[in-house]
Amino acid sequence: MPQTEPGKIRNVAVVGHRGTGKTSLVEAMLFQAGKVNRLGSVEQGSTVSDWDDDEHRRQMSLSGSLEHLEWQERKINLLDTPGDAGFQSDTYASLRIVEGALVVLSDVMGVEVNTSRV
């Protein structure tokens, strides 16, 4: 990948309550940008950002994960963060280093406890 001008780099955290689809959203964005050639699944343990065996077994992110893609001449660094309260220190740390956040909400449950904390 060619070097990207600093002004064309965006750092974005993907945050929300556990089970709202943060990892699936990151996976879909990577797929849409052509970074991966197949759409992974949390249930099948085939997503790019959940790589640890414990994450596959529990079907949830246990730590933050950095993925990147190129879109419209920009490099976008995505920080897929855990939504479970027991692992939110990674979410808080991620929010300190990004310019923006994608807040993922459940269309059924709305804003949940861990969402309102971040």
Protein backbone atom coordinates (compact mmCIF):
# COMPACT_ATOMS: atom_id res chain seq x y z
CA MET A 1 0.00 0.00 0.00
CA PRO A 2 1.41 3.44 -0.90
CA GLN A 3 2.09 5.92 1.86
CA THR A 4 -1.01 7.95 2.76
CA GLU A 5 -0.91 11.66 3.48
CA PRO A 6 -1.70 12.28 7.17
CA GLY A 7 -4.66 14.50 6.21
CA LYS A 8 -6.27 11.57 4.40
CA ILE A 9 -6.20 9.18 7.36
CA ARG A 10 -9.29 8.75 9.53
CA ASN A 11 -9.31 6.88 12.85
CA VAL A 12 -12.77 5.66 13.84
CA ALA A 13 -13.89 3.55 16.81
CA VAL A 14 -16.88 1.24 16.40
CA VAL A 15 -18.65 1.22 19.77
CA GLY A 16 -21.90 -0.04 21.29
CA HIS A 17 -23.45 -2.57 23.64
CA ARG A 18 -22.62 -6.27 23.36
CA GLY A 19 -24.37 -8.05 20.52
CA THR A 20 -25.36 -4.99 18.48
CA GLY A 21 -23.36 -5.99 15.41
CA LYS A 22 -20.16 -3.96 15.72
CA THR A 23 -17.89 -6.75 14.46
CA SER A 24 -20.35 -7.64 11.70
CA LEU A 25 -20.42 -3.99 10.60
CA VAL A 26 -16.61 -3.85 10.47
CA GLU A 27 -16.59 -7.10 8.50
CA ALA A 28 -19.14 -5.72 6.02
CA MET A 29 -17.12 -2.52 5.58
CA LEU A 30 -13.94 -4.51 4.91
CA PHE A 31 -15.81 -6.66 2.40
CA GLN A 32 -17.41 -3.68 0.65
CA ALA A 33 -14.01 -1.95 0.35
CA GLY A 34 -12.48 -5.10 -1.15
CA LYS A 35 -10.14 -5.70 1.79
CA VAL A 36 -11.49 -9.26 2.24
CA ASN A 37 -12.93 -11.52 -0.46
CA ARG A 38 -15.69 -13.08 1.66
CA LEU A 39 -18.01 -11.85 4.37
CA GLY A 40 -17.08 -13.45 7.69
CA SER A 41 -19.54 -14.41 10.42
CA VAL A 42 -19.30 -14.02 14.21
CA GLU A 43 -21.35 -17.21 14.66
CA GLN A 44 -18.97 -19.20 12.44
CA GLY A 45 -15.85 -17.62 13.97
CA SER A 46 -14.67 -16.37 10.59
CA THR A 47 -14.47 -12.59 11.08
CA VAL A 48 -11.21 -10.76 10.57
CA SER A 49 -11.28 -8.74 13.80
CA ASP A 50 -12.24 -11.56 16.19
CA TRP A 51 -9.17 -13.74 15.77
CA ASP A 52 -8.71 -15.21 19.27
CA ASP A 53 -10.03 -18.71 20.09
CA ASP A 54 -11.82 -17.34 23.18
CA GLU A 55 -13.56 -14.75 21.00
CA HIS A 56 -14.70 -17.51 18.63
CA ARG A 57 -15.94 -19.66 21.51
CA ARG A 58 -17.80 -16.82 23.25
CA GLN A 59 -18.91 -15.20 19.98
CA MET A 60 -17.93 -11.73 21.20
CA SER A 61 -14.97 -9.38 21.09
CA LEU A 62 -12.75 -9.55 24.17
CA SER A 63 -10.30 -6.83 23.15
CA GLY A 64 -10.05 -4.00 20.67
CA SER A 65 -8.97 -4.86 17.15
CA LEU A 66 -7.49 -2.55 14.51
CA GLU A 67 -8.49 -3.05 10.88
CA HIS A 68 -7.97 -0.69 7.99
CA LEU A 69 -9.40 -0.08 4.56
CA GLU A 70 -9.16 2.42 1.75
CA TRP A 71 -12.26 4.29 0.64
CA GLN A 72 -12.54 7.28 -1.69
CA GLU A 73 -8.80 8.03 -1.52
CA ARG A 74 -8.82 7.89 2.28
CA LYS A 75 -7.29 5.37 4.64
CA ILE A 76 -9.76 4.49 7.39
CA ASN A 77 -8.47 2.82 10.54
CA LEU A 78 -11.35 1.02 12.27
CA LEU A 79 -11.08 0.09 15.93
CA ASP A 80 -13.59 -2.70 16.61
CA THR A 81 -14.20 -2.45 20.35
CA PRO A 82 -15.75 -4.91 22.83
CA GLY A 83 -19.28 -4.15 24.00
CA ASP A 84 -19.30 -6.27 27.16
CA ALA A 85 -18.86 -4.26 30.38
CA GLY A 86 -16.05 -6.55 31.53
CA PHE A 87 -13.86 -5.51 28.60
CA GLN A 88 -14.77 -1.84 28.20
CA SER A 89 -11.33 -0.59 29.18
CA ASP A 90 -10.33 -1.28 25.55
CA THR A 91 -13.30 0.78 24.38
CA TYR A 92 -12.33 3.73 26.58
CA ALA A 93 -8.70 3.51 25.44
CA SER A 94 -9.79 3.41 21.79
CA LEU A 95 -11.96 6.50 22.18
CA ARG A 96 -8.95 8.49 23.37
CA ILE A 97 -7.10 8.08 20.07
CA VAL A 98 -9.81 8.47 17.42
CA GLU A 99 -11.38 11.46 15.71
CA GLY A 100 -14.81 9.89 15.52
CA ALA A 101 -16.96 6.96 16.49
CA LEU A 102 -19.63 4.82 14.87
CA VAL A 103 -22.16 4.06 17.60
CA VAL A 104 -24.00 0.84 16.78
CA LEU A 105 -27.44 0.42 18.36
CA SER A 106 -29.87 -2.48 18.46
CA ASP A 107 -33.03 -1.62 16.54
CA VAL A 108 -34.97 -3.70 19.08
CA MET A 109 -33.33 -2.66 22.38
CA GLY A 110 -32.27 0.91 21.52
CA VAL A 111 -29.67 2.59 23.71
CA GLU A 112 -28.53 0.04 26.29
CA VAL A 113 -26.49 0.48 29.47
CA ASN A 114 -23.02 -0.03 28.00
CA THR A 115 -23.87 2.19 25.03
CA SER A 116 -24.76 5.11 27.28
CA ARG A 117 -21.49 4.65 29.23
CA VAL A 118 -19.37 5.37 26.19
